[in-house]
Amino acid sequence: MLANKLHEVPPVLRRESQAEGDGPIARGGMGTILKGRDPDLGRDLAINVLLDAHKDNPLIIQRSFEEAQIGSQLQHPGIAPIDELGQFADKRPLFAMKLVKGETLANGR
């Protein structure tokens, strides 16, 4: 079933995001987390954006989309709620979530 979806960009990703990225705060294998801001609501965000190296890979784009969908359905105090799903002007998919401030787990050891 996933193979049928690989060449489809989910319709919601066709909408350019209004979120503004201020700079990286973390990085993973597929994406980076930017500290950002929602200019309409005036609040800080954490923006998970696909790395530029993966922006043309339909499988990784689909995985990113599915991660956002699954994360948006979870309600737990340890999981930041997802507020937006979209893409930057350069077509990289992103999802924006509440920016949780405080110490990282690495600093708590």
PDB file of N, CA and C in Angstrom:
ATOM      1  N   MET A   1       0.818  -1.192   0.000  1.00  0.00           N
ATOM      2  CA  MET A   1       0.000   0.000   0.000  1.00  0.00           C
ATOM      3  C   MET A   1       0.866   1.262   0.000  1.00  0.00           C
ATOM      4  N   LEU A   2       1.969   1.253   0.763  1.00  0.00           N
ATOM      5  CA  LEU A   2       2.858   2.404   0.788  1.00  0.00           C
ATOM      6  C   LEU A   2       3.431   2.682  -0.593  1.00  0.00           C
ATOM      7  N   ALA A   3       3.720   1.638  -1.364  1.00  0.00           N
ATOM      8  CA  ALA A   3       4.285   1.826  -2.699  1.00  0.00           C
ATOM      9  C   ALA A   3       3.359   2.651  -3.582  1.00  0.00           C
ATOM     10  N   ASN A   4       2.063   2.520  -3.405  1.00  0.00           N
ATOM     11  CA  ASN A   4       1.118   3.299  -4.194  1.00  0.00           C
ATOM     12  C   ASN A   4       1.143   4.771  -3.837  1.00  0.00           C
ATOM     13  N   LYS A   5       1.583   5.114  -2.641  1.00  0.00           N
ATOM     14  CA  LYS A   5       1.588   6.486  -2.165  1.00  0.00           C
ATOM     15  C   LYS A   5       2.894   7.220  -2.463  1.00  0.00           C
ATOM     16  N   LEU A   6       3.918   6.514  -2.871  1.00  0.00           N
ATOM     17  CA  LEU A   6       5.247   7.110  -2.947  1.00  0.00           C
ATOM     18  C   LEU A   6       5.344   8.321  -3.858  1.00  0.00           C
ATOM     19  N   HIS A   7       4.584   8.340  -4.911  1.00  0.00           N
ATOM     20  CA  HIS A   7       4.698   9.443  -5.857  1.00  0.00           C
ATOM     21  C   HIS A   7       3.617  10.492  -5.644  1.00  0.00           C
ATOM     22  N   GLU A   8       2.832  10.337  -4.591  1.00  0.00           N
ATOM     23  CA  GLU A   8       1.802  11.309  -4.277  1.00  0.00           C
ATOM     24  C   GLU A   8       2.293  12.208  -3.156  1.00  0.00           C
ATOM     25  N   VAL A   9       2.255  13.504  -3.387  1.00  0.00           N
ATOM     26  CA  VAL A   9       2.539  14.431  -2.305  1.00  0.00           C
ATOM     27  C   VAL A   9       1.203  14.701  -1.636  1.00  0.00           C
ATOM     28  N   PRO A  10       1.106  14.461  -0.329  1.00  0.00           N
ATOM     29  CA  PRO A  10      -0.167  14.691   0.343  1.00  0.00           C
ATOM     30  C   PRO A  10      -0.657  16.115   0.084  1.00  0.00           C
ATOM     31  N   PRO A  11      -1.951  16.300  -0.172  1.00  0.00           N
ATOM     32  CA  PRO A  11      -2.475  17.623  -0.518  1.00  0.00           C
ATOM     33  C   PRO A  11      -2.131  18.696   0.501  1.00  0.00           C
ATOM     34  N   VAL A  12      -2.111  18.352   1.788  1.00  0.00           N
ATOM     35  CA  VAL A  12      -1.819  19.356   2.799  1.00  0.00           C
ATOM     36  C   VAL A  12      -0.404  19.909   2.641  1.00  0.00           C
ATOM     37  N   LEU A  13       0.508  19.114   2.088  1.00  0.00           N
ATOM     38  CA  LEU A  13       1.882  19.581   1.915  1.00  0.00           C
ATOM     39  C   LEU A  13       2.024  20.550   0.757  1.00  0.00           C
ATOM     40  N   ARG A  14       1.002  20.722  -0.016  1.00  0.00           N
ATOM     41  CA  ARG A  14       1.075  21.676  -1.124  1.00  0.00           C
ATOM     42  C   ARG A  14       0.917  23.111  -0.635  1.00  0.00           C
ATOM     43  N   ARG A  15       0.570  23.279   0.637  1.00  0.00           N
ATOM     44  CA  ARG A  15       0.368  24.604   1.216  1.00  0.00           C
ATOM     45  C   ARG A  15       1.674  25.078   1.831  1.00  0.00           C
ATOM     46  N   GLU A  16       2.115  26.255   1.434  1.00  0.00           N
ATOM     47  CA  GLU A  16       3.348  26.794   1.995  1.00  0.00           C
ATOM     48  C   GLU A  16       3.099  27.252   3.430  1.00  0.00           C
ATOM     49  N   SER A  17       4.021  26.954   4.293  1.00  0.00           N
ATOM     50  CA  SER A  17       3.896  27.292   5.707  1.00  0.00           C
ATOM     51  C   SER A  17       4.141  28.771   5.944  1.00  0.00           C
ATOM     52  N   GLN A  18       3.480  29.295   6.961  1.00  0.00           N
ATOM     53  CA  GLN A  18       3.716  30.671   7.405  1.00  0.00           C
ATOM     54  C   GLN A  18       4.780  30.731   8.498  1.00  0.00           C
ATOM     55  N   ALA A  19       5.183  29.546   9.001  1.00  0.00           N
ATOM     56  CA  ALA A  19       6.171  29.496  10.078  1.00  0.00           C
ATOM     57  C   ALA A  19       7.511  30.031   9.596  1.00  0.00           C
ATOM     58  N   GLU A  20       8.193  30.717  10.472  1.00  0.00           N
ATOM     59  CA  GLU A  20       9.505  31.289  10.161  1.00  0.00           C
ATOM     60  C   GLU A  20      10.559  30.596  11.010  1.00  0.00           C
ATOM     61  N   GLY A  21      11.576  30.011  10.355  1.00  0.00           N
ATOM     62  CA  GLY A  21      12.650  29.332  11.082  1.00  0.00           C
ATOM     63  C   GLY A  21      13.742  30.294  11.475  1.00  0.00           C
ATOM     64  N   ASP A  22      14.183  30.224  12.741  1.00  0.00           N
ATOM     65  CA  ASP A  22      15.224  31.119  13.247  1.00  0.00           C
ATOM     66  C   ASP A  22      16.604  30.484  13.281  1.00  0.00           C
ATOM     67  N   GLY A  23      16.668  29.175  13.264  1.00  0.00           N
ATOM     68  CA  GLY A  23      17.963  28.514  13.318  1.00  0.00           C
ATOM     69  C   GLY A  23      17.837  27.147  13.939  1.00  0.00           C
ATOM     70  N   PRO A  24      18.789  26.251  13.650  1.00  0.00           N
ATOM     71  CA  PRO A  24      18.715  24.871  14.141  1.00  0.00           C
ATOM     72  C   PRO A  24      18.962  24.765  15.643  1.00  0.00           C
ATOM     73  N   ILE A  25      18.199  23.850  16.276  1.00  0.00           N
ATOM     74  CA  ILE A  25      18.424  23.555  17.696  1.00  0.00           C
ATOM     75  C   ILE A  25      18.724  22.070  17.908  1.00  0.00           C
ATOM     76  N   ALA A  26      18.451  21.244  16.880  1.00  0.00           N
ATOM     77  CA  ALA A  26      18.753  19.808  16.954  1.00  0.00           C
ATOM     78  C   ALA A  26      18.755  19.244  15.540  1.00  0.00           C
ATOM     79  N   ARG A  27      19.365  18.062  15.392  1.00  0.00           N
ATOM     80  CA  ARG A  27      19.422  17.429  14.077  1.00  0.00           C
ATOM     81  C   ARG A  27      19.347  15.923  14.231  1.00  0.00           C
ATOM     82  N   GLY A  28      18.625  15.293  13.296  1.00  0.00           N
ATOM     83  CA  GLY A  28      18.517  13.846  13.271  1.00  0.00           C
ATOM     84  C   GLY A  28      18.935  13.314  11.918  1.00  0.00           C
ATOM     85  N   GLY A  29      18.639  12.055  11.645  1.00  0.00           N
ATOM     86  CA  GLY A  29      19.041  11.433  10.394  1.00  0.00           C
ATOM     87  C   GLY A  29      18.271  11.924   9.186  1.00  0.00           C
ATOM     88  N   MET A  30      16.987  12.242   9.366  1.00  0.00           N
ATOM     89  CA  MET A  30      16.152  12.677   8.244  1.00  0.00           C
ATOM     90  C   MET A  30      15.869  14.171   8.266  1.00  0.00           C
ATOM     91  N   GLY A  31      15.962  14.775   9.434  1.00  0.00           N
ATOM     92  CA  GLY A  31      15.554  16.172   9.515  1.00  0.00           C
ATOM     93  C   GLY A  31      16.312  16.943  10.557  1.00  0.00           C
ATOM     94  N   THR A  32      15.976  18.208  10.608  1.00  0.00           N
ATOM     95  CA  THR A  32      16.542  19.095  11.603  1.00  0.00           C
ATOM     96  C   THR A  32      15.387  19.817  12.295  1.00  0.00           C
ATOM     97  N   ILE A  33      15.605  20.198  13.535  1.00  0.00           N
ATOM     98  CA  ILE A  33      14.610  20.957  14.281  1.00  0.00           C
ATOM     99  C   ILE A  33      15.089  22.402  14.349  1.00  0.00           C
ATOM    100  N   LEU A  34      14.250  23.302  13.878  1.00  0.00           N
ATOM    101  CA  LEU A  34      14.547  24.723  13.920  1.00  0.00           C
ATOM    102  C   LEU A  34      13.743  25.373  15.029  1.00  0.00           C
ATOM    103  N   LYS A  35      14.337  26.343  15.694  1.00  0.00           N
ATOM    104  CA  LYS A  35      13.538  27.196  16.565  1.00  0.00           C
ATOM    105  C   LYS A  35      12.852  28.169  15.625  1.00  0.00           C
ATOM    106  N   GLY A  36      11.553  28.298  15.764  1.00  0.00           N
ATOM    107  CA  GLY A  36      10.814  29.151  14.848  1.00  0.00           C
ATOM    108  C   GLY A  36       9.758  29.968  15.543  1.00  0.00           C
ATOM    109  N   ARG A  37       8.979  30.627  14.737  1.00  0.00           N
ATOM    110  CA  ARG A  37       7.938  31.512  15.253  1.00  0.00           C
ATOM    111  C   ARG A  37       6.745  31.476  14.323  1.00  0.00           C
ATOM    112  N   ASP A  38       5.565  31.451  14.898  1.00  0.00           N
ATOM    113  CA  ASP A  38       4.327  31.581  14.135  1.00  0.00           C
ATOM    114  C   ASP A  38       3.995  33.068  14.113  1.00  0.00           C
ATOM    115  N   PRO A  39       4.141  33.728  12.959  1.00  0.00           N
ATOM    116  CA  PRO A  39       3.935  35.176  12.921  1.00  0.00           C
ATOM    117  C   PRO A  39       2.473  35.575  13.139  1.00  0.00           C
ATOM    118  N   ASP A  40       1.552  34.699  12.795  1.00  0.00           N
ATOM    119  CA  ASP A  40       0.135  35.017  12.967  1.00  0.00           C
ATOM    120  C   ASP A  40      -0.287  34.966  14.437  1.00  0.00           C
ATOM    121  N   LEU A  41       0.206  33.966  15.166  1.00  0.00           N
ATOM    122  CA  LEU A  41      -0.199  33.785  16.559  1.00  0.00           C
ATOM    123  C   LEU A  41       0.822  34.332  17.550  1.00  0.00           C
ATOM    124  N   GLY A  42       2.011  34.707  17.068  1.00  0.00           N
ATOM    125  CA  GLY A  42       3.027  35.287  17.933  1.00  0.00           C
ATOM    126  C   GLY A  42       3.558  34.338  18.989  1.00  0.00           C
ATOM    127  N   ARG A  43       3.786  33.085  18.612  1.00  0.00           N
ATOM    128  CA  ARG A  43       4.310  32.120  19.587  1.00  0.00           C
ATOM    129  C   ARG A  43       5.510  31.388  19.008  1.00  0.00           C
ATOM    130  N   ASP A  44       6.370  30.909  19.915  1.00  0.00           N
ATOM    131  CA  ASP A  44       7.555  30.162  19.505  1.00  0.00           C
ATOM    132  C   ASP A  44       7.170  28.733  19.143  1.00  0.00           C
ATOM    133  N   LEU A  45       7.896  28.160  18.186  1.00  0.00           N
ATOM    134  CA  LEU A  45       7.640  26.816  17.696  1.00  0.00           C
ATOM    135  C   LEU A  45       8.935  26.034  17.577  1.00  0.00           C
ATOM    136  N   ALA A  46       8.814  24.723  17.555  1.00  0.00           N
ATOM    137  CA  ALA A  46       9.886  23.835  17.111  1.00  0.00           C
ATOM    138  C   ALA A  46       9.420  23.333  15.748  1.00  0.00           C
ATOM    139  N   ILE A  47      10.239  23.517  14.733  1.00  0.00           N
ATOM    140  CA  ILE A  47       9.854  23.154  13.369  1.00  0.00           C
ATOM    141  C   ILE A  47      10.732  22.010  12.899  1.00  0.00           C
ATOM    142  N   ASN A  48      10.123  20.856  12.655  1.00  0.00           N
ATOM    143  CA  ASN A  48      10.834  19.692  12.140  1.00  0.00           C
ATOM    144  C   ASN A  48      10.790  19.779  10.626  1.00  0.00           C
ATOM    145  N   VAL A  49      11.929  19.972  10.000  1.00  0.00           N
ATOM    146  CA  VAL A  49      11.995  20.117   8.550  1.00  0.00           C
ATOM    147  C   VAL A  49      12.938  19.066   7.968  1.00  0.00           C
ATOM    148  N   LEU A  50      12.538  18.516   6.862  1.00  0.00           N
ATOM    149  CA  LEU A  50      13.337  17.502   6.181  1.00  0.00           C
ATOM    150  C   LEU A  50      14.655  18.099   5.711  1.00  0.00           C
ATOM    151  N   LEU A  51      15.740  17.354   5.879  1.00  0.00           N
ATOM    152  CA  LEU A  51      17.041  17.811   5.398  1.00  0.00           C
ATOM    153  C   LEU A  51      17.002  17.998   3.882  1.00  0.00           C
ATOM    154  N   ASP A  52      17.713  18.975   3.398  1.00  0.00           N
ATOM    155  CA  ASP A  52      17.751  19.284   1.972  1.00  0.00           C
ATOM    156  C   ASP A  52      18.153  18.071   1.129  1.00  0.00           C
ATOM    157  N   ALA A  53      19.021  17.231   1.663  1.00  0.00           N
ATOM    158  CA  ALA A  53      19.486  16.047   0.933  1.00  0.00           C
ATOM    159  C   ALA A  53      18.362  15.062   0.631  1.00  0.00           C
ATOM    160  N   HIS A  54      17.252  15.140   1.383  1.00  0.00           N
ATOM    161  CA  HIS A  54      16.145  14.196   1.220  1.00  0.00           C
ATOM    162  C   HIS A  54      14.919  14.794   0.537  1.00  0.00           C
ATOM    163  N   LYS A  55      14.970  16.071   0.162  1.00  0.00           N
ATOM    164  CA  LYS A  55      13.756  16.749  -0.300  1.00  0.00           C
ATOM    165  C   LYS A  55      13.182  16.192  -1.597  1.00  0.00           C
ATOM    166  N   ASP A  56      13.961  15.447  -2.363  1.00  0.00           N
ATOM    167  CA  ASP A  56      13.470  14.867  -3.614  1.00  0.00           C
ATOM    168  C   ASP A  56      13.216  13.366  -3.506  1.00  0.00           C
ATOM    169  N   ASN A  57      13.244  12.825  -2.306  1.00  0.00           N
ATOM    170  CA  ASN A  57      13.041  11.390  -2.082  1.00  0.00           C
ATOM    171  C   ASN A  57      11.597  11.142  -1.638  1.00  0.00           C
ATOM    172  N   PRO A  58      10.739  10.610  -2.531  1.00  0.00           N
ATOM    173  CA  PRO A  58       9.328  10.443  -2.172  1.00  0.00           C
ATOM    174  C   PRO A  58       9.096   9.525  -0.980  1.00  0.00           C
ATOM    175  N   LEU A  59       9.942   8.519  -0.782  1.00  0.00           N
ATOM    176  CA  LEU A  59       9.771   7.615   0.356  1.00  0.00           C
ATOM    177  C   LEU A  59      10.000   8.356   1.671  1.00  0.00           C
ATOM    178  N   ILE A  60      11.034   9.153   1.733  1.00  0.00           N
ATOM    179  CA  ILE A  60      11.331   9.888   2.967  1.00  0.00           C
ATOM    180  C   ILE A  60      10.307  10.997   3.187  1.00  0.00           C
ATOM    181  N   ILE A  61       9.839  11.629   2.124  1.00  0.00           N
ATOM    182  CA  ILE A  61       8.778  12.631   2.260  1.00  0.00           C
ATOM    183  C   ILE A  61       7.536  11.983   2.853  1.00  0.00           C
ATOM    184  N   GLN A  62       7.186  10.805   2.370  1.00  0.00           N
ATOM    185  CA  GLN A  62       6.013  10.089   2.889  1.00  0.00           C
ATOM    186  C   GLN A  62       6.211   9.723   4.357  1.00  0.00           C
ATOM    187  N   ARG A  63       7.405   9.274   4.717  1.00  0.00           N
ATOM    188  CA  ARG A  63       7.680   8.937   6.123  1.00  0.00           C
ATOM    189  C   ARG A  63       7.540  10.166   7.021  1.00  0.00           C
ATOM    190  N   SER A  64       8.027  11.299   6.544  1.00  0.00           N
ATOM    191  CA  SER A  64       7.917  12.537   7.301  1.00  0.00           C
ATOM    192  C   SER A  64       6.454  12.908   7.514  1.00  0.00           C
ATOM    193  N   PHE A  65       5.663  12.782   6.468  1.00  0.00           N
ATOM    194  CA  PHE A  65       4.234  13.070   6.540  1.00  0.00           C
ATOM    195  C   PHE A  65       3.554  12.127   7.535  1.00  0.00           C
ATOM    196  N   GLU A  66       3.874  10.836   7.471  1.00  0.00           N
ATOM    197  CA  GLU A  66       3.277   9.861   8.381  1.00  0.00           C
ATOM    198  C   GLU A  66       3.696  10.114   9.832  1.00  0.00           C
ATOM    199  N   GLU A  67       4.942  10.525  10.038  1.00  0.00           N
ATOM    200  CA  GLU A  67       5.407  10.849  11.391  1.00  0.00           C
ATOM    201  C   GLU A  67       4.576  11.986  11.977  1.00  0.00           C
ATOM    202  N   ALA A  68       4.300  13.001  11.157  1.00  0.00           N
ATOM    203  CA  ALA A  68       3.487  14.126  11.616  1.00  0.00           C
ATOM    204  C   ALA A  68       2.059  13.684  11.908  1.00  0.00           C
ATOM    205  N   GLN A  69       1.498  12.851  11.043  1.00  0.00           N
ATOM    206  CA  GLN A  69       0.123  12.377  11.264  1.00  0.00           C
ATOM    207  C   GLN A  69       0.030  11.555  12.553  1.00  0.00           C
ATOM    208  N   ILE A  70       0.954  10.643  12.746  1.00  0.00           N
ATOM    209  CA  ILE A  70       0.929   9.806  13.948  1.00  0.00           C
ATOM    210  C   ILE A  70       1.157  10.660  15.191  1.00  0.00           C
ATOM    211  N   GLY A  71       2.144  11.547  15.126  1.00  0.00           N
ATOM    212  CA  GLY A  71       2.425  12.416  16.271  1.00  0.00           C
ATOM    213  C   GLY A  71       1.258  13.307  16.635  1.00  0.00           C
ATOM    214  N   SER A  72       0.489  13.736  15.639  1.00  0.00           N
ATOM    215  CA  SER A  72      -0.640  14.620  15.921  1.00  0.00           C
ATOM    216  C   SER A  72      -1.779  13.897  16.617  1.00  0.00           C
ATOM    217  N   GLN A  73      -1.798  12.570  16.532  1.00  0.00           N
ATOM    218  CA  GLN A  73      -2.864  11.788  17.156  1.00  0.00           C
ATOM    219  C   GLN A  73      -2.536  11.382  18.596  1.00  0.00           C
ATOM    220  N   LEU A  74      -1.302  11.604  19.005  1.00  0.00           N
ATOM    221  CA  LEU A  74      -0.881  11.217  20.347  1.00  0.00           C
ATOM    222  C   LEU A  74      -1.109  12.359  21.331  1.00  0.00           C
ATOM    223  N   GLN A  75      -1.631  12.035  22.471  1.00  0.00           N
ATOM    224  CA  GLN A  75      -1.827  13.022  23.531  1.00  0.00           C
ATOM    225  C   GLN A  75      -1.164  12.498  24.791  1.00  0.00           C
ATOM    226  N   HIS A  76      -0.023  13.084  25.103  1.00  0.00           N
ATOM    227  CA  HIS A  76       0.756  12.646  26.261  1.00  0.00           C
ATOM    228  C   HIS A  76       1.578  13.839  26.733  1.00  0.00           C
ATOM    229  N   PRO A  77       1.745  14.012  28.037  1.00  0.00           N
ATOM    230  CA  PRO A  77       2.514  15.156  28.530  1.00  0.00           C
ATOM    231  C   PRO A  77       3.967  15.170  28.051  1.00  0.00           C
ATOM    232  N   GLY A  78       4.507  14.019  27.653  1.00  0.00           N
ATOM    233  CA  GLY A  78       5.883  13.950  27.181  1.00  0.00           C
ATOM    234  C   GLY A  78       6.036  14.132  25.676  1.00  0.00           C
ATOM    235  N   ILE A  79       4.930  14.390  24.980  1.00  0.00           N
ATOM    236  CA  ILE A  79       4.968  14.559  23.524  1.00  0.00           C
ATOM    237  C   ILE A  79       4.426  15.933  23.177  1.00  0.00           C
ATOM    238  N   ALA A  80       5.226  16.717  22.458  1.00  0.00           N
ATOM    239  CA  ALA A  80       4.788  18.062  22.072  1.00  0.00           C
ATOM    240  C   ALA A  80       3.686  17.964  21.019  1.00  0.00           C
ATOM    241  N   PRO A  81       2.589  18.715  21.198  1.00  0.00           N
ATOM    242  CA  PRO A  81       1.513  18.682  20.211  1.00  0.00           C
ATOM    243  C   PRO A  81       1.939  19.320  18.883  1.00  0.00           C
ATOM    244  N   ILE A  82       1.500  18.719  17.798  1.00  0.00           N
ATOM    245  CA  ILE A  82       1.808  19.227  16.456  1.00  0.00           C
ATOM    246  C   ILE A  82       0.731  20.229  16.064  1.00  0.00           C
ATOM    247  N   ASP A  83       1.169  21.412  15.634  1.00  0.00           N
ATOM    248  CA  ASP A  83       0.255  22.502  15.306  1.00  0.00           C
ATOM    249  C   ASP A  83       0.044  22.704  13.814  1.00  0.00           C
ATOM    250  N   GLU A  84       1.017  22.322  13.005  1.00  0.00           N
ATOM    251  CA  GLU A  84       0.931  22.630  11.580  1.00  0.00           C
ATOM    252  C   GLU A  84       1.685  21.598  10.766  1.00  0.00           C
ATOM    253  N   LEU A  85       1.154  21.320   9.589  1.00  0.00           N
ATOM    254  CA  LEU A  85       1.826  20.475   8.604  1.00  0.00           C
ATOM    255  C   LEU A  85       1.851  21.276   7.316  1.00  0.00           C
ATOM    256  N   GLY A  86       3.013  21.422   6.724  1.00  0.00           N
ATOM    257  CA  GLY A  86       3.123  22.219   5.505  1.00  0.00           C
ATOM    258  C   GLY A  86       4.465  22.018   4.847  1.00  0.00           C
ATOM    259  N   GLN A  87       4.907  23.037   4.123  1.00  0.00           N
ATOM    260  CA  GLN A  87       6.212  22.970   3.473  1.00  0.00           C
ATOM    261  C   GLN A  87       6.778  24.370   3.344  1.00  0.00           C
ATOM    262  N   PHE A  88       8.113  24.419   3.305  1.00  0.00           N
ATOM    263  CA  PHE A  88       8.789  25.678   3.046  1.00  0.00           C
ATOM    264  C   PHE A  88       8.698  25.996   1.558  1.00  0.00           C
ATOM    265  N   ALA A  89       9.060  27.199   1.187  1.00  0.00           N
ATOM    266  CA  ALA A  89       8.993  27.623  -0.217  1.00  0.00           C
ATOM    267  C   ALA A  89       9.837  26.721  -1.113  1.00  0.00           C
ATOM    268  N   ASP A  90      10.910  26.108  -0.581  1.00  0.00           N
ATOM    269  CA  ASP A  90      11.756  25.225  -1.392  1.00  0.00           C
ATOM    270  C   ASP A  90      11.205  23.795  -1.463  1.00  0.00           C
ATOM    271  N   LYS A  91       9.965  23.604  -1.000  1.00  0.00           N
ATOM    272  CA  LYS A  91       9.211  22.344  -1.097  1.00  0.00           C
ATOM    273  C   LYS A  91       9.572  21.303  -0.047  1.00  0.00           C
ATOM    274  N   ARG A  92      10.471  21.619   0.897  1.00  0.00           N
ATOM    275  CA  ARG A  92      10.771  20.658   1.963  1.00  0.00           C
ATOM    276  C   ARG A  92       9.586  20.584   2.918  1.00  0.00           C
ATOM    277  N   PRO A  93       9.078  19.362   3.190  1.00  0.00           N
ATOM    278  CA  PRO A  93       7.969  19.250   4.129  1.00  0.00           C
ATOM    279  C   PRO A  93       8.414  19.576   5.551  1.00  0.00           C
ATOM    280  N   LEU A  94       7.469  20.058   6.340  1.00  0.00           N
ATOM    281  CA  LEU A  94       7.754  20.392   7.723  1.00  0.00           C
ATOM    282  C   LEU A  94       6.532  20.120   8.580  1.00  0.00           C
ATOM    283  N   PHE A  95       6.762  19.939   9.856  1.00  0.00           N
ATOM    284  CA  PHE A  95       5.664  20.037  10.802  1.00  0.00           C
ATOM    285  C   PHE A  95       6.137  20.864  11.986  1.00  0.00           C
ATOM    286  N   ALA A  96       5.246  21.700  12.454  1.00  0.00           N
ATOM    287  CA  ALA A  96       5.560  22.611  13.549  1.00  0.00           C
ATOM    288  C   ALA A  96       4.846  22.148  14.802  1.00  0.00           C
ATOM    289  N   MET A  97       5.526  22.282  15.919  1.00  0.00           N
ATOM    290  CA  MET A  97       4.964  21.859  17.197  1.00  0.00           C
ATOM    291  C   MET A  97       5.349  22.849  18.275  1.00  0.00           C
ATOM    292  N   LYS A  98       4.739  22.680  19.421  1.00  0.00           N
ATOM    293  CA  LYS A  98       5.051  23.524  20.564  1.00  0.00           C
ATOM    294  C   LYS A  98       6.536  23.421  20.882  1.00  0.00           C
ATOM    295  N   LEU A  99       7.174  24.547  21.111  1.00  0.00           N
ATOM    296  CA  LEU A  99       8.572  24.553  21.537  1.00  0.00           C
ATOM    297  C   LEU A  99       8.602  24.344  23.040  1.00  0.00           C
ATOM    298  N   VAL A 100       9.191  23.247  23.458  1.00  0.00           N
ATOM    299  CA  VAL A 100       9.291  22.922  24.880  1.00  0.00           C
ATOM    300  C   VAL A 100      10.631  23.452  25.368  1.00  0.00           C
ATOM    301  N   LYS A 101      10.586  24.329  26.328  1.00  0.00           N
ATOM    302  CA  LYS A 101      11.803  24.933  26.854  1.00  0.00           C
ATOM    303  C   LYS A 101      12.262  24.203  28.098  1.00  0.00           C
ATOM    304  N   GLY A 102      13.548  24.182  28.321  1.00  0.00           N
ATOM    305  CA  GLY A 102      14.099  23.528  29.502  1.00  0.00           C
ATOM    306  C   GLY A 102      15.364  22.779  29.163  1.00  0.00           C
ATOM    307  N   GLU A 103      15.772  21.931  30.062  1.00  0.00           N
ATOM    308  CA  GLU A 103      16.996  21.151  29.895  1.00  0.00           C
ATOM    309  C   GLU A 103      16.745  19.939  28.985  1.00  0.00           C
ATOM    310  N   THR A 104      17.754  19.562  28.216  1.00  0.00           N
ATOM    311  CA  THR A 104      17.661  18.351  27.422  1.00  0.00           C
ATOM    312  C   THR A 104      17.907  17.144  28.331  1.00  0.00           C
ATOM    313  N   LEU A 105      17.536  15.987  27.866  1.00  0.00           N
ATOM    314  CA  LEU A 105      17.793  14.780  28.645  1.00  0.00           C
ATOM    315  C   LEU A 105      19.279  14.571  28.861  1.00  0.00           C
ATOM    316  N   ALA A 106      20.091  14.958  27.879  1.00  0.00           N
ATOM    317  CA  ALA A 106      21.543  14.805  28.005  1.00  0.00           C
ATOM    318  C   ALA A 106      22.088  15.656  29.151  1.00  0.00           C
ATOM    319  N   ASN A 107      21.493  16.826  29.375  1.00  0.00           N
ATOM    320  CA  ASN A 107      21.960  17.711  30.460  1.00  0.00           C
ATOM    321  C   ASN A 107      21.492  17.250  31.825  1.00  0.00           C
ATOM    322  N   GLY A 108      20.501  16.377  31.879  1.00  0.00           N
ATOM    323  CA  GLY A 108      19.937  15.940  33.144  1.00  0.00           C
ATOM    324  C   GLY A 108      20.673  14.777  33.779  1.00  0.00           C
ATOM    325  N   ARG A 109      21.706  14.295  33.133  1.00  0.00           N
ATOM    326  CA  ARG A 109      22.428  13.128  33.667  1.00  0.00           C
ATOM    327  C   ARG A 109      23.372  13.500  34.752  1.00  0.00           C
TER     328      ARG A 109
END
